[in-house]
Every structure is written in C-alpha cells, then in structure tokens.
C-alpha atoms as a PDB file:
ATOM      1  CA  MET A   1      25.995  92.422 176.489  1.00  0.00           C
ATOM      2  CA  PRO A   2      28.490  90.408 173.918  1.00  0.00           C
ATOM      3  CA  LYS A   3      31.416  89.417 175.013  1.00  0.00           C
ATOM      4  CA  ARG A   4      34.451  91.409 174.178  1.00  0.00           C
ATOM      5  CA  GLU A   5      37.237  89.906 171.156  1.00  0.00           C
ATOM      6  CA  VAL A   6      40.417  91.276 170.049  1.00  0.00           C
ATOM      7  CA  ILE A   7      40.510  90.312 166.407  1.00  0.00           C
ATOM      8  CA  GLU A   8      43.836  91.009 164.601  1.00  0.00           C
ATOM      9  CA  THR A   9      43.222  91.659 160.863  1.00  0.00           C
ATOM     10  CA  THR A  10      43.659  93.878 157.699  1.00  0.00           C
ATOM     11  CA  ALA A  11      41.836  97.257 157.206  1.00  0.00           C
ATOM     12  CA  GLY A  12      40.008  95.251 154.268  1.00  0.00           C
ATOM     13  CA  GLN A  13      38.895  92.143 155.895  1.00  0.00           C
ATOM     14  CA  VAL A  14      37.524  93.520 158.701  1.00  0.00           C
ATOM     15  CA  ALA A  15      33.961  93.409 157.348  1.00  0.00           C
ATOM     16  CA  ALA A  16      34.558  89.975 156.374  1.00  0.00           C
ATOM     17  CA  GLU A  17      35.883  88.886 159.918  1.00  0.00           C
ATOM     18  CA  LEU A  18      32.217  91.067 161.525  1.00  0.00           C
ATOM     19  CA  ALA A  19      30.231  89.454 159.567  1.00  0.00           C
ATOM     20  CA  SER A  20      31.876  85.825 159.610  1.00  0.00           C
ATOM     21  CA  ARG A  21      31.049  86.494 163.653  1.00  0.00           C
ATOM     22  CA  GLY A  22      27.455  87.201 162.837  1.00  0.00           C
ATOM     23  CA  ILE A  23      27.529  91.186 163.405  1.00  0.00           C
ATOM     24  CA  ARG A  24      25.404  92.257 161.055  1.00  0.00           C
ATOM     25  CA  PRO A  25      26.481  95.371 158.991  1.00  0.00           C
ATOM     26  CA  ASP A  26      24.295  98.338 161.384  1.00  0.00           C
ATOM     27  CA  GLU A  27      25.179  96.756 164.540  1.00  0.00           C
ATOM     28  CA  ARG A  28      27.652  99.593 166.148  1.00  0.00           C
ATOM     29  CA  VAL A  29      31.186  98.340 166.826  1.00  0.00           C
ATOM     30  CA  THR A  30      34.490 100.220 167.893  1.00  0.00           C
ATOM     31  CA  VAL A  31      37.834  99.579 165.919  1.00  0.00           C
ATOM     32  CA  THR A  32      41.267 100.384 167.659  1.00  0.00           C
ATOM     33  CA  ILE A  33      43.718 101.115 165.237  1.00  0.00           C
ATOM     34  CA  LYS A  34      47.289  99.722 166.089  1.00  0.00           C
ATOM     35  CA  PRO A  35      50.034 100.313 163.387  1.00  0.00           C
ATOM     36  CA  GLU A  36      52.127  96.737 163.529  1.00  0.00           C
ATOM     37  CA  GLN A  37      55.347  98.821 165.091  1.00  0.00           C
ATOM     38  CA  ASP A  38      55.943 101.904 166.858  1.00  0.00           C
ATOM     39  CA  LEU A  39      59.158 102.321 164.375  1.00  0.00           C
ATOM     40  CA  LEU A  40      60.678 104.940 166.612  1.00  0.00           C
ATOM     41  CA  ALA A  41      60.668 103.655 169.903  1.00  0.00           C
ATOM     42  CA  LEU A  42      61.946  99.780 168.354  1.00  0.00           C
ATOM     43  CA  GLY A  43      64.624 101.915 167.065  1.00  0.00           C
ATOM     44  CA  ARG A  44      65.641 103.809 170.328  1.00  0.00           C
ATOM     45  CA  LYS A  45      64.900 100.583 172.106  1.00  0.00           C
ATOM     46  CA  GLU A  46      67.576  98.498 169.609  1.00  0.00           C
ATOM     47  CA  SER A  47      70.064 101.997 169.913  1.00  0.00           C
ATOM     48  CA  ARG A  48      70.163 101.847 173.153  1.00  0.00           C
ATOM     49  CA  ALA A  49      71.198  98.539 173.579  1.00  0.00           C
ATOM     50  CA  ARG A  50      73.791  98.741 171.142  1.00  0.00           C
ATOM     51  CA  VAL A  51      75.175 101.946 172.922  1.00  0.00           C
ATOM     52  CA  VAL A  52      74.588  99.870 176.409  1.00  0.00           C
ATOM     53  CA  ALA A  53      76.412  97.343 175.057  1.00  0.00           C
ATOM     54  CA  ALA A  54      79.530  99.778 173.806  1.00  0.00           C
ATOM     55  CA  GLY A  55      80.110 100.386 177.483  1.00  0.00           C
ATOM     56  CA  LEU A  56      78.605 103.975 177.393  1.00  0.00           C
ATOM     57  CA  SER A  57      76.725 104.823 180.662  1.00  0.00           C
ATOM     58  CA  ASP A  58      72.998 106.867 179.631  1.00  0.00           C
ATOM     59  CA  ALA A  59      74.659 110.334 180.853  1.00  0.00           C
ATOM     60  CA  GLN A  60      76.770 109.814 178.163  1.00  0.00           C
ATOM     61  CA  LEU A  61      74.290 108.643 175.807  1.00  0.00           C
ATOM     62  CA  ASP A  62      71.935 111.947 177.030  1.00  0.00           C
ATOM     63  CA  ARG A  63      75.348 113.849 176.379  1.00  0.00           C
ATOM     64  CA  LEU A  64      76.106 112.829 172.862  1.00  0.00           C
ATOM     65  CA  ILE A  65      72.080 113.029 171.533  1.00  0.00           C
ATOM     66  CA  GLU A  66      72.188 116.447 173.035  1.00  0.00           C
ATOM     67  CA  GLU A  67      75.564 117.141 170.655  1.00  0.00           C
ATOM     68  CA  ALA A  68      73.034 115.750 168.318  1.00  0.00           C
ATOM     69  CA  ARG A  69      70.434 117.941 168.163  1.00  0.00           C
ATOM     70  CA  ALA A  70      72.708 120.853 168.950  1.00  0.00           C
ATOM     71  CA  GLU A  71      74.233 119.459 165.622  1.00  0.00           C
ATOM     72  CA  VAL A  72      71.195 119.813 163.470  1.00  0.00           C
ATOM     73  CA  GLN A  73      69.073 122.015 164.853  1.00  0.00           C
ATOM     74  CA  PRO A  74      69.109 125.651 162.909  1.00  0.00           C
ATOM     75  CA  THR A  75      70.688 128.643 164.673  1.00  0.00           C
ATOM     76  CA  LEU A  76      68.197 131.389 165.645  1.00  0.00           C
ATOM     77  CA  GLY A  77      68.750 134.934 165.244  1.00  0.00           C
END
C-alpha cells in the first residue's frame, strides 16, 4: 500500500503534483478540499480577543451579541 502524503497546492496544480509523484491519471486518489482560512471563525476569534482586552466578560459579550441579533432580525408577525 502506498504511503499517505499531504500535498498543499493550488487547484490548478493538482494534476501536475500527482504526475510528479508518479501517480498515473487512471489511479484513484482522494482529494480533501480545505480553504485557506475559515474567515468567520477567524473574525470571531479576533473580535473576542478585542472584547476581552477591553475588559468585558463573556456574559457581557453574550448580551451584546444577543442585542445586536435582536436589532437586525426582522419582526415576525
């Protein structure tokens, strides 16, 4: 069984990377797609760090988030 290997490359270079490793075009491979960053998670992490640095507690942050959600959600009814 061939060894597992992680290759980081662009979508356009996948075939060339496989060929450079001697993998024939008719061989089966598994490709995992992973975006560069999860921007939403990164934004949340950075925002939380700023809030904590400003001296707010998690409870205060949660309250601010709920208030903001209430402001932007349309009124149902």
